[in-house]
Amino acid sequence: MTAALIGFALVLVLVLCRMPIVFAMGLVGTLGFAFERGGSAFDARGLKAAMSMVGRQVTDTAQDYGLSVIPLFILMGLFVNKGGMARELYAVSNAFLGHMRGGLSMATVLACGGFSAICGSSLATAATMSKVAMPEMRRYGYSDQLSTASIAAGGTLGILIPPSVILVIYGLLTETSIGKLFMAGIIPGLIGILLYLAAARWTVWRTPEAGPAGDRVDWPARRQALRDVWAVLVLFFLVIGGLYGVFDVAPLNLTFSPTEAAGMGAMGAFLIALARGGLNWTGLLEVLKETSFTTAGLFAVLIGAQIFSNFVNLAGLPDALIGLVTAYSLSPMTVLMLILVIYIILGCVFESLSMLLLTVPIFFPLVTSLGFDPIWFGIVVVVVVEISLITPPVGLNVFILKGVVGDVTTGTIFKGVTPFWIADLLRLALIVALPALVLFLPNHMGGLGH
């Protein structure tokens, strides 16, 4: 346990020294594994075993069929962006809410939630919606604080509302049903949208000039806006419906695995983007290139995390933590609260995926041994990770937004986003106190999902 804790501390130190997380986890994991095998980090026998483990881990990850779902969902999200569906979602949200004080901010949150349902990436949601919503909010005189905060916070929904790449990775790491994780994320995602709407309303209640009312849209225009989002609904129905057996009726008799659902979604998004003229040869090459680079980065971090996880497991840290909990007779809820505090602290230093990959192999055996449901814990972890996306100093959504908008300081965005992460803390408290909010849909799925 001592060696594992030292290794964990070394990873933190290396990350704080600006070493990329993939190299920090890979280096510490390799040397730690060699130490455990040979009694020294540089023992020849231990290094040979460590190198063998690293080579096997790289090969196994590259050949894992289950991981093919990741590039397919990334590809789908990029095609969705090319198809212009974000603008349609924003238009329909604005048609119904834009005339209210703070309505454009609330429309942005709703559009982010809808875009998340066909994208699966928080960073992509934040980057896309900033291009769509920011000019409109500035046109109506919205403050930069409220405008950027609603985009940054709304973007976090991308890793919770299905399909979600983060939930896919959690499911693969813990061998938990991805289909049930997707279903479990729906109610917490909707609660998140409602609380974000409340945060926007609270902001304009305190500072009315931050979100002036826009123009009221008549009902014929609203109906037209609703008709324009057909592509979004079709794509969501294709992916989620196929995953949960909607097409498992004669004569189709089709039920998709997560990988098949991602493939169908990518193909559907490609055809929609192509039919709308949003895709040419240059755009297609850009999408394929970005998908390759993003997937390579994710796989590199995943391999580094698995190398570190092998060291931690060999050192016996998960078993030692279970032993400590038993020895001190800590209640399950006390242990969970300690884990959540650790997550919130780590969220101030690590980006979301790295934090997930670093901690889940350590905490998952502990929480399941205490009787917590693995699906519920997955949603709890993702909600905590969502909070880290908008909290200083490493709020990735904030920095993505800063990069896209350019003329707004990160301090302005962090100040504006405060009511939204307070709403996130409230949502976290709700799903911890009421696990049924997470487990109701998965428990009523029957045999559906994979």
Protein backbone atom coordinates (compact mmCIF):
# COMPACT_ATOMS: atom_id res chain seq x y z
CA MET A 1 0.00 0.00 0.00
CA THR A 2 2.89 2.37 0.78
CA ALA A 3 4.40 1.87 -2.68
CA ALA A 4 1.02 2.52 -4.33
CA LEU A 5 0.45 5.72 -2.34
CA ILE A 6 3.95 6.95 -3.20
CA GLY A 7 3.22 6.18 -6.85
CA PHE A 8 -0.05 8.11 -6.69
CA ALA A 9 1.76 11.08 -5.12
CA LEU A 10 4.46 10.92 -7.81
CA VAL A 11 1.81 11.11 -10.53
CA LEU A 12 0.37 14.23 -8.88
CA VAL A 13 3.82 15.83 -8.62
CA LEU A 14 4.68 15.06 -12.26
CA VAL A 15 1.35 16.48 -13.46
CA LEU A 16 1.91 19.64 -11.41
CA CYS A 17 5.35 19.87 -13.04
CA ARG A 18 3.54 20.02 -16.41
CA MET A 19 4.26 16.46 -17.53
CA PRO A 20 1.39 15.14 -19.68
CA ILE A 21 -0.82 12.81 -17.64
CA VAL A 22 -0.32 9.90 -20.05
CA PHE A 23 3.45 9.95 -19.53
CA ALA A 24 3.15 10.50 -15.78
CA MET A 25 0.87 7.49 -15.30
CA GLY A 26 2.82 5.34 -17.76
CA LEU A 27 6.23 6.12 -16.24
CA VAL A 28 5.18 5.69 -12.61
CA GLY A 29 3.15 2.59 -13.46
CA THR A 30 6.06 0.95 -15.30
CA LEU A 31 8.68 1.68 -12.63
CA GLY A 32 6.25 0.77 -9.85
CA PHE A 33 5.44 -2.54 -11.53
CA ALA A 34 9.17 -3.25 -11.89
CA PHE A 35 9.66 -2.45 -8.20
CA GLU A 36 6.89 -4.83 -7.15
CA ARG A 37 8.22 -7.61 -9.36
CA GLY A 38 11.94 -7.24 -8.66
CA GLY A 39 12.30 -5.40 -5.36
CA SER A 40 13.76 -2.37 -7.13
CA ALA A 41 12.50 -0.03 -9.83
CA PHE A 42 15.63 -0.72 -11.87
CA ASP A 43 16.04 -4.42 -11.17
CA ALA A 44 16.64 -6.27 -14.47
CA ARG A 45 14.08 -8.97 -13.74
CA GLY A 46 11.48 -6.43 -12.65
CA LEU A 47 12.09 -4.18 -15.66
CA LYS A 48 11.72 -7.13 -18.01
CA ALA A 49 8.38 -8.01 -16.42
CA ALA A 50 7.29 -4.37 -16.59
CA MET A 51 8.21 -4.02 -20.27
CA SER A 52 6.34 -7.22 -21.02
CA MET A 53 3.29 -5.85 -19.21
CA VAL A 54 3.46 -2.54 -21.12
CA GLY A 55 3.73 -4.28 -24.50
CA ARG A 56 0.83 -6.58 -23.67
CA GLN A 57 -1.28 -3.64 -22.49
CA VAL A 58 -0.68 -1.65 -25.69
CA THR A 59 -1.53 -4.68 -27.85
CA ASP A 60 -4.63 -5.61 -25.86
CA THR A 61 -5.97 -2.05 -25.95
CA ALA A 62 -5.40 -1.67 -29.70
CA GLN A 63 -7.15 -4.99 -30.38
CA ASP A 64 -10.06 -4.54 -27.96
CA TYR A 65 -13.24 -4.62 -30.05
CA GLY A 66 -15.23 -2.96 -27.27
CA LEU A 67 -13.10 0.18 -27.53
CA SER A 68 -14.08 0.68 -31.17
CA VAL A 69 -17.22 2.37 -29.87
CA ILE A 70 -15.10 5.40 -28.86
CA PRO A 71 -13.93 6.56 -32.33
CA LEU A 72 -17.40 5.87 -33.74
CA PHE A 73 -19.14 8.15 -31.22
CA ILE A 74 -16.45 10.80 -31.81
CA LEU A 75 -17.03 10.51 -35.55
CA MET A 76 -20.78 10.83 -35.05
CA GLY A 77 -20.34 14.00 -33.00
CA LEU A 78 -18.15 15.60 -35.67
CA PHE A 79 -20.61 14.74 -38.44
CA VAL A 80 -23.43 16.17 -36.30
CA ASN A 81 -21.48 19.41 -36.08
CA LYS A 82 -21.03 19.49 -39.85
CA GLY A 83 -24.75 18.87 -40.32
CA GLY A 84 -25.67 22.13 -38.56
CA MET A 85 -27.92 20.44 -36.01
CA ALA A 86 -26.66 22.63 -33.17
CA ARG A 87 -28.17 25.70 -34.83
CA GLU A 88 -31.54 24.00 -35.20
CA LEU A 89 -31.58 23.01 -31.53
CA TYR A 90 -30.70 26.54 -30.49
CA ALA A 91 -33.34 27.99 -32.81
CA VAL A 92 -36.16 25.88 -31.35
CA SER A 93 -35.05 26.58 -27.77
CA ASN A 94 -34.80 30.29 -28.50
CA ALA A 95 -38.26 30.28 -30.13
CA PHE A 96 -39.89 29.18 -26.89
CA LEU A 97 -37.65 30.87 -24.27
CA GLY A 98 -35.91 33.81 -25.93
CA HIS A 99 -38.61 36.36 -25.05
CA MET A 100 -38.07 35.85 -21.30
CA ARG A 101 -35.50 37.69 -19.21
CA GLY A 102 -32.46 35.41 -19.32
CA GLY A 103 -34.27 33.37 -21.96
CA LEU A 104 -31.34 33.16 -24.39
CA SER A 105 -29.17 31.77 -21.60
CA MET A 106 -31.82 29.15 -20.81
CA ALA A 107 -32.23 28.39 -24.52
CA THR A 108 -28.48 27.78 -24.66
CA VAL A 109 -28.69 25.29 -21.78
CA LEU A 110 -31.57 23.43 -23.46
CA ALA A 111 -29.76 23.39 -26.80
CA CYS A 112 -26.62 22.05 -25.10
CA GLY A 113 -28.70 19.26 -23.54
CA GLY A 114 -30.20 18.36 -26.91
CA PHE A 115 -26.86 18.49 -28.68
CA SER A 116 -25.34 16.29 -25.95
CA ALA A 117 -27.89 13.61 -26.83
CA ILE A 118 -26.35 13.23 -30.29
CA CYS A 119 -22.76 14.24 -29.60
CA GLY A 120 -21.42 12.56 -26.45
CA SER A 121 -18.60 15.03 -25.76
CA SER A 122 -18.63 17.97 -23.34
CA LEU A 123 -15.76 19.77 -25.05
CA ALA A 124 -17.37 19.44 -28.48
CA THR A 125 -20.72 20.66 -27.10
CA ALA A 126 -19.12 23.72 -25.48
CA ALA A 127 -17.04 24.57 -28.55
CA THR A 128 -19.96 24.18 -30.96
CA MET A 129 -22.56 26.03 -28.92
CA SER A 130 -20.19 28.92 -28.28
CA LYS A 131 -20.15 29.60 -32.03
CA VAL A 132 -23.93 29.33 -32.25
CA ALA A 133 -25.17 31.04 -29.08
CA MET A 134 -22.52 33.61 -28.17
CA PRO A 135 -23.14 36.03 -31.08
CA GLU A 136 -26.90 35.95 -30.46
CA MET A 137 -26.58 36.67 -26.74
CA ARG A 138 -24.18 39.52 -27.41
CA ARG A 139 -26.59 40.96 -29.98
CA TYR A 140 -29.24 41.27 -27.25
CA GLY A 141 -26.83 42.77 -24.71
CA TYR A 142 -26.27 39.77 -22.45
CA SER A 143 -23.32 40.06 -20.08
CA ASP A 144 -20.24 38.04 -20.98
CA GLN A 145 -20.40 36.39 -17.56
CA LEU A 146 -23.86 34.92 -18.08
CA SER A 147 -23.34 34.15 -21.77
CA THR A 148 -20.10 32.21 -21.35
CA ALA A 149 -21.25 30.55 -18.11
CA SER A 150 -24.40 29.13 -19.69
CA ILE A 151 -22.36 27.67 -22.56
CA ALA A 152 -19.59 26.25 -20.34
CA ALA A 153 -22.05 24.72 -17.88
CA GLY A 154 -24.46 23.47 -20.55
CA GLY A 155 -21.53 21.83 -22.31
CA THR A 156 -20.85 19.60 -19.31
CA LEU A 157 -24.07 17.73 -20.06
CA GLY A 158 -22.28 16.09 -22.98
CA ILE A 159 -20.60 13.49 -20.77
CA LEU A 160 -23.80 12.46 -18.96
CA ILE A 161 -26.74 12.52 -21.36
CA PRO A 162 -26.43 9.44 -23.60
CA PRO A 163 -24.59 8.61 -25.73
CA SER A 164 -21.56 9.55 -23.61
CA VAL A 165 -17.94 8.64 -24.33
CA ILE A 166 -17.07 8.95 -20.62
CA LEU A 167 -19.82 6.49 -19.67
CA VAL A 168 -18.56 4.11 -22.35
CA ILE A 169 -15.05 4.24 -20.89
CA TYR A 170 -16.37 3.74 -17.35
CA GLY A 171 -18.42 0.75 -18.53
CA LEU A 172 -15.39 -0.80 -20.25
CA LEU A 173 -13.15 -0.20 -17.24
CA THR A 174 -15.56 -1.74 -14.76
CA GLU A 175 -17.30 -4.28 -17.04
CA THR A 176 -20.63 -2.57 -16.36
CA SER A 177 -23.49 -2.58 -18.88
CA ILE A 178 -23.03 0.44 -21.17
CA GLY A 179 -26.70 0.30 -22.15
CA LYS A 180 -27.83 0.55 -18.52
CA LEU A 181 -25.32 3.32 -17.85
CA PHE A 182 -26.80 5.29 -20.75
CA MET A 183 -30.29 4.79 -19.38
CA ALA A 184 -29.14 5.75 -15.86
CA GLY A 185 -27.77 9.06 -17.14
CA ILE A 186 -31.09 10.34 -18.50
CA ILE A 187 -32.86 11.45 -15.29
CA PRO A 188 -29.72 13.05 -13.71
CA GLY A 189 -29.12 14.77 -17.05
CA LEU A 190 -32.65 16.19 -17.07
CA ILE A 191 -32.26 17.29 -13.45
CA GLY A 192 -29.03 19.01 -14.45
CA ILE A 193 -30.83 20.91 -17.21
CA LEU A 194 -33.58 22.04 -14.81
CA LEU A 195 -31.08 23.19 -12.18
CA TYR A 196 -29.03 25.04 -14.81
CA LEU A 197 -32.21 26.81 -15.94
CA ALA A 198 -32.81 27.78 -12.32
CA ALA A 199 -29.21 29.04 -12.04
CA ALA A 200 -29.72 31.24 -15.12
CA ARG A 201 -32.98 32.61 -13.73
CA TRP A 202 -31.35 33.28 -10.36
CA THR A 203 -28.54 35.20 -12.10
CA VAL A 204 -30.93 37.52 -13.97
CA TRP A 205 -33.05 37.92 -10.82
CA ARG A 206 -29.99 39.26 -9.00
CA THR A 207 -28.68 41.22 -12.02
CA PRO A 208 -31.56 41.97 -14.43
CA GLU A 209 -29.33 43.77 -16.94
CA ALA A 210 -27.24 40.60 -17.38
CA GLY A 211 -29.96 38.94 -19.49
CA PRO A 212 -32.42 41.30 -21.21
CA ALA A 213 -35.57 39.85 -22.75
CA GLY A 214 -35.45 39.11 -26.46
CA ASP A 215 -38.08 39.18 -29.18
CA ARG A 216 -41.19 37.02 -28.85
CA VAL A 217 -41.58 34.42 -31.62
CA ASP A 218 -45.09 33.73 -32.88
CA TRP A 219 -46.58 30.23 -32.89
CA PRO A 220 -46.24 29.54 -36.65
CA ALA A 221 -42.50 30.23 -36.35
CA ARG A 222 -42.31 28.01 -33.27
CA ARG A 223 -43.98 25.14 -35.10
CA GLN A 224 -41.57 25.57 -38.00
CA ALA A 225 -38.61 25.50 -35.58
CA LEU A 226 -39.96 22.26 -34.10
CA ARG A 227 -40.21 20.72 -37.57
CA ASP A 228 -36.62 21.69 -38.31
CA VAL A 229 -35.21 19.45 -35.55
CA TRP A 230 -36.39 16.22 -37.19
CA ALA A 231 -32.81 15.16 -37.96
CA VAL A 232 -31.83 15.38 -34.29
CA LEU A 233 -34.80 13.26 -33.23
CA VAL A 234 -34.18 10.68 -35.95
CA LEU A 235 -30.51 10.34 -35.02
CA PHE A 236 -31.23 10.02 -31.30
CA PHE A 237 -33.96 7.46 -32.00
CA LEU A 238 -31.64 5.48 -34.26
CA VAL A 239 -28.84 5.23 -31.68
CA ILE A 240 -30.74 4.92 -28.41
CA GLY A 241 -33.73 3.08 -29.88
CA GLY A 242 -31.48 0.51 -31.54
CA LEU A 243 -29.53 0.04 -28.34
CA TYR A 244 -32.69 -0.68 -26.33
CA GLY A 245 -34.42 -3.00 -28.76
CA VAL A 246 -36.93 -0.65 -30.38
CA PHE A 247 -36.19 -2.32 -33.73
CA ASP A 248 -36.33 -5.83 -32.29
CA VAL A 249 -39.69 -6.53 -33.94
CA ALA A 250 -40.64 -8.42 -37.09
CA PRO A 251 -39.53 -8.13 -39.80
CA LEU A 252 -36.42 -6.21 -38.65
CA ASN A 253 -35.53 -8.14 -35.47
CA LEU A 254 -32.58 -5.84 -34.83
CA THR A 255 -30.93 -5.05 -31.49
CA PHE A 256 -27.69 -3.06 -31.56
CA SER A 257 -24.66 -3.53 -29.38
CA PRO A 258 -23.07 -0.22 -28.24
CA THR A 259 -20.51 -0.48 -31.05
CA GLU A 260 -23.21 -1.18 -33.64
CA ALA A 261 -25.34 1.68 -32.31
CA ALA A 262 -22.35 4.02 -32.56
CA GLY A 263 -21.69 2.83 -36.10
CA MET A 264 -25.30 3.40 -37.13
CA GLY A 265 -25.24 6.83 -35.49
CA ALA A 266 -22.03 7.80 -37.32
CA MET A 267 -23.48 6.65 -40.63
CA GLY A 268 -26.78 8.47 -39.98
CA ALA A 269 -24.97 11.69 -39.05
CA PHE A 270 -22.78 11.36 -42.16
CA LEU A 271 -25.80 10.98 -44.46
CA ILE A 272 -27.60 13.92 -42.84
CA ALA A 273 -24.53 16.17 -43.12
CA LEU A 274 -24.06 15.06 -46.74
CA ALA A 275 -27.71 15.64 -47.66
CA ARG A 276 -27.61 19.15 -46.18
CA GLY A 277 -24.51 20.14 -48.10
CA GLY A 278 -22.46 20.60 -44.95
CA LEU A 279 -19.86 18.08 -46.03
CA ASN A 280 -17.44 18.07 -48.94
CA TRP A 281 -14.20 16.17 -49.54
CA THR A 282 -12.16 18.71 -47.59
CA GLY A 283 -14.61 18.62 -44.68
CA LEU A 284 -14.69 14.83 -44.70
CA LEU A 285 -10.90 14.64 -44.52
CA GLU A 286 -10.93 17.16 -41.63
CA VAL A 287 -13.48 15.07 -39.75
CA LEU A 288 -11.53 11.84 -40.28
CA LYS A 289 -8.27 13.53 -39.28
CA GLU A 290 -9.76 15.04 -36.10
CA THR A 291 -11.37 11.70 -35.21
CA SER A 292 -8.01 9.96 -35.60
CA PHE A 293 -6.13 12.49 -33.47
CA THR A 294 -8.79 12.56 -30.74
CA THR A 295 -9.03 8.77 -30.64
CA ALA A 296 -5.25 8.40 -30.51
CA GLY A 297 -5.11 10.82 -27.58
CA LEU A 298 -7.86 9.00 -25.71
CA PHE A 299 -6.26 5.60 -26.30
CA ALA A 300 -2.87 6.90 -25.15
CA VAL A 301 -4.37 8.16 -21.88
CA LEU A 302 -6.28 4.90 -21.50
CA ILE A 303 -3.12 2.82 -21.96
CA GLY A 304 -1.21 4.98 -19.47
CA ALA A 305 -4.02 4.64 -16.94
CA GLN A 306 -4.15 0.86 -17.37
CA ILE A 307 -0.38 0.58 -16.87
CA PHE A 308 -0.71 2.57 -13.65
CA SER A 309 -3.74 0.51 -12.64
CA ASN A 310 -1.75 -2.72 -13.06
CA PHE A 311 0.89 -1.37 -10.69
CA VAL A 312 -1.71 -0.22 -8.14
CA ASN A 313 -3.48 -3.58 -8.21
CA LEU A 314 -0.19 -5.49 -7.91
CA ALA A 315 0.74 -3.32 -4.94
CA GLY A 316 -2.58 -4.22 -3.34
CA LEU A 317 -3.99 -0.72 -2.82
CA PRO A 318 -7.69 -1.59 -3.46
CA ASP A 319 -7.52 -4.52 -1.03
CA ALA A 320 -5.64 -2.40 1.50
CA LEU A 321 -8.32 0.30 1.34
CA ILE A 322 -11.01 -2.31 1.93
CA GLY A 323 -8.99 -3.57 4.91
CA LEU A 324 -8.70 -0.05 6.34
CA VAL A 325 -12.43 0.54 6.05
CA THR A 326 -13.09 -2.75 7.81
CA ALA A 327 -10.50 -2.12 10.53
CA TYR A 328 -11.86 1.34 11.41
CA SER A 329 -15.51 0.29 11.02
CA LEU A 330 -16.29 3.24 8.75
CA SER A 331 -19.85 3.40 7.49
CA PRO A 332 -20.36 3.08 3.71
CA MET A 333 -21.72 6.63 3.48
CA THR A 334 -18.69 8.03 5.33
CA VAL A 335 -16.38 6.29 2.85
CA LEU A 336 -18.42 7.61 -0.07
CA MET A 337 -18.23 11.17 1.27
CA LEU A 338 -14.44 10.87 1.58
CA ILE A 339 -14.21 9.61 -2.00
CA LEU A 340 -16.36 12.50 -3.27
CA VAL A 341 -14.16 15.02 -1.42
CA ILE A 342 -11.10 13.46 -3.07
CA TYR A 343 -12.77 13.72 -6.47
CA ILE A 344 -13.65 17.38 -5.98
CA ILE A 345 -10.07 18.17 -4.91
CA LEU A 346 -8.59 16.23 -7.84
CA GLY A 347 -10.97 18.03 -10.17
CA CYS A 348 -9.08 21.25 -9.41
CA VAL A 349 -5.90 19.70 -10.85
CA PHE A 350 -6.82 16.98 -13.37
CA GLU A 351 -8.90 17.08 -16.51
CA SER A 352 -11.97 14.86 -16.48
CA LEU A 353 -10.87 11.75 -18.38
CA SER A 354 -7.52 11.53 -16.61
CA MET A 355 -9.23 11.81 -13.23
CA LEU A 356 -11.67 9.05 -14.13
CA LEU A 357 -8.99 6.69 -15.43
CA LEU A 358 -6.69 7.34 -12.49
CA THR A 359 -9.22 6.81 -9.71
CA VAL A 360 -11.87 4.33 -10.86
CA PRO A 361 -9.53 1.28 -10.70
CA ILE A 362 -8.75 2.24 -7.10
CA PHE A 363 -12.18 3.20 -5.82
CA PHE A 364 -14.45 0.85 -7.77
CA PRO A 365 -13.52 -2.36 -5.86
CA LEU A 366 -13.96 -0.46 -2.60
CA VAL A 367 -17.42 0.97 -3.32
CA THR A 368 -18.76 -2.31 -4.70
CA SER A 369 -17.47 -4.17 -1.63
CA LEU A 370 -19.49 -1.72 0.47
CA GLY A 371 -22.66 -2.65 -1.41
CA PHE A 372 -23.04 0.40 -3.65
CA ASP A 373 -24.51 -0.22 -7.09
CA PRO A 374 -21.83 0.04 -9.84
CA ILE A 375 -24.22 1.80 -12.23
CA TRP A 376 -25.20 4.36 -9.60
CA PHE A 377 -21.54 4.94 -8.69
CA GLY A 378 -20.71 5.48 -12.37
CA ILE A 379 -23.27 8.28 -12.63
CA VAL A 380 -22.05 9.81 -9.35
CA VAL A 381 -18.48 9.80 -10.68
CA VAL A 382 -19.54 11.40 -13.97
CA VAL A 383 -21.48 14.15 -12.16
CA VAL A 384 -18.38 14.91 -10.07
CA VAL A 385 -16.32 14.94 -13.25
CA GLU A 386 -18.85 17.39 -14.74
CA ILE A 387 -18.19 19.73 -11.82
CA SER A 388 -14.45 19.59 -12.54
CA LEU A 389 -15.07 20.81 -16.09
CA ILE A 390 -16.15 24.25 -14.84
CA THR A 391 -14.17 24.70 -11.61
CA PRO A 392 -10.82 26.54 -11.37
CA PRO A 393 -8.00 26.22 -12.05
CA VAL A 394 -8.38 23.41 -14.64
CA GLY A 395 -11.93 23.80 -15.92
CA LEU A 396 -11.50 22.43 -19.43
CA ASN A 397 -14.84 23.74 -20.71
CA VAL A 398 -13.84 27.20 -19.55
CA PHE A 399 -10.53 27.07 -21.42
CA ILE A 400 -12.20 25.66 -24.54
CA LEU A 401 -14.66 28.57 -24.42
CA LYS A 402 -11.86 31.07 -23.86
CA GLY A 403 -10.09 29.69 -26.92
CA VAL A 404 -13.18 29.99 -29.13
CA VAL A 405 -14.47 33.36 -27.91
CA GLY A 406 -11.05 34.91 -27.38
CA ASP A 407 -11.96 38.32 -25.92
CA VAL A 408 -13.34 37.11 -22.57
CA THR A 409 -11.00 36.40 -19.65
CA THR A 410 -11.07 33.07 -17.84
CA GLY A 411 -11.72 34.99 -14.62
CA THR A 412 -14.93 36.38 -16.10
CA ILE A 413 -16.10 32.90 -17.13
CA PHE A 414 -15.23 31.32 -13.78
CA LYS A 415 -17.07 34.09 -11.94
CA GLY A 416 -20.17 33.69 -14.09
CA VAL A 417 -20.21 29.91 -13.81
CA THR A 418 -20.34 29.87 -9.99
CA PRO A 419 -24.16 29.50 -9.71
CA PHE A 420 -24.01 26.62 -12.18
CA TRP A 421 -21.49 24.51 -10.28
CA ILE A 422 -23.44 25.20 -7.09
CA ALA A 423 -26.42 23.73 -8.97
CA ASP A 424 -24.19 20.75 -9.81
CA LEU A 425 -23.39 20.24 -6.13
CA LEU A 426 -27.11 20.26 -5.38
CA ARG A 427 -27.70 17.64 -8.09
CA LEU A 428 -24.87 15.52 -6.68
CA ALA A 429 -26.45 15.69 -3.22
CA LEU A 430 -29.81 14.63 -4.70
CA ILE A 431 -28.53 11.53 -6.48
CA VAL A 432 -26.43 10.50 -3.47
CA ALA A 433 -29.40 10.87 -1.13
CA LEU A 434 -31.88 9.35 -3.61
CA PRO A 435 -30.20 6.58 -5.67
CA ALA A 436 -33.60 5.77 -7.20
CA LEU A 437 -33.21 8.88 -9.37
CA VAL A 438 -30.37 7.05 -11.12
CA LEU A 439 -31.53 3.44 -10.90
CA PHE A 440 -35.23 3.77 -11.75
CA LEU A 441 -34.83 3.53 -15.54
CA PRO A 442 -32.10 0.83 -15.56
CA ASN A 443 -34.12 -1.30 -13.12
CA HIS A 444 -37.18 -1.11 -15.37
CA MET A 445 -35.37 -1.96 -18.58
CA GLY A 446 -35.82 -5.70 -18.18
CA GLY A 447 -33.33 -7.48 -20.40
CA LEU A 448 -32.69 -4.50 -22.66
CA GLY A 449 -29.33 -2.86 -23.06
CA HIS A 450 -25.83 -4.29 -23.47
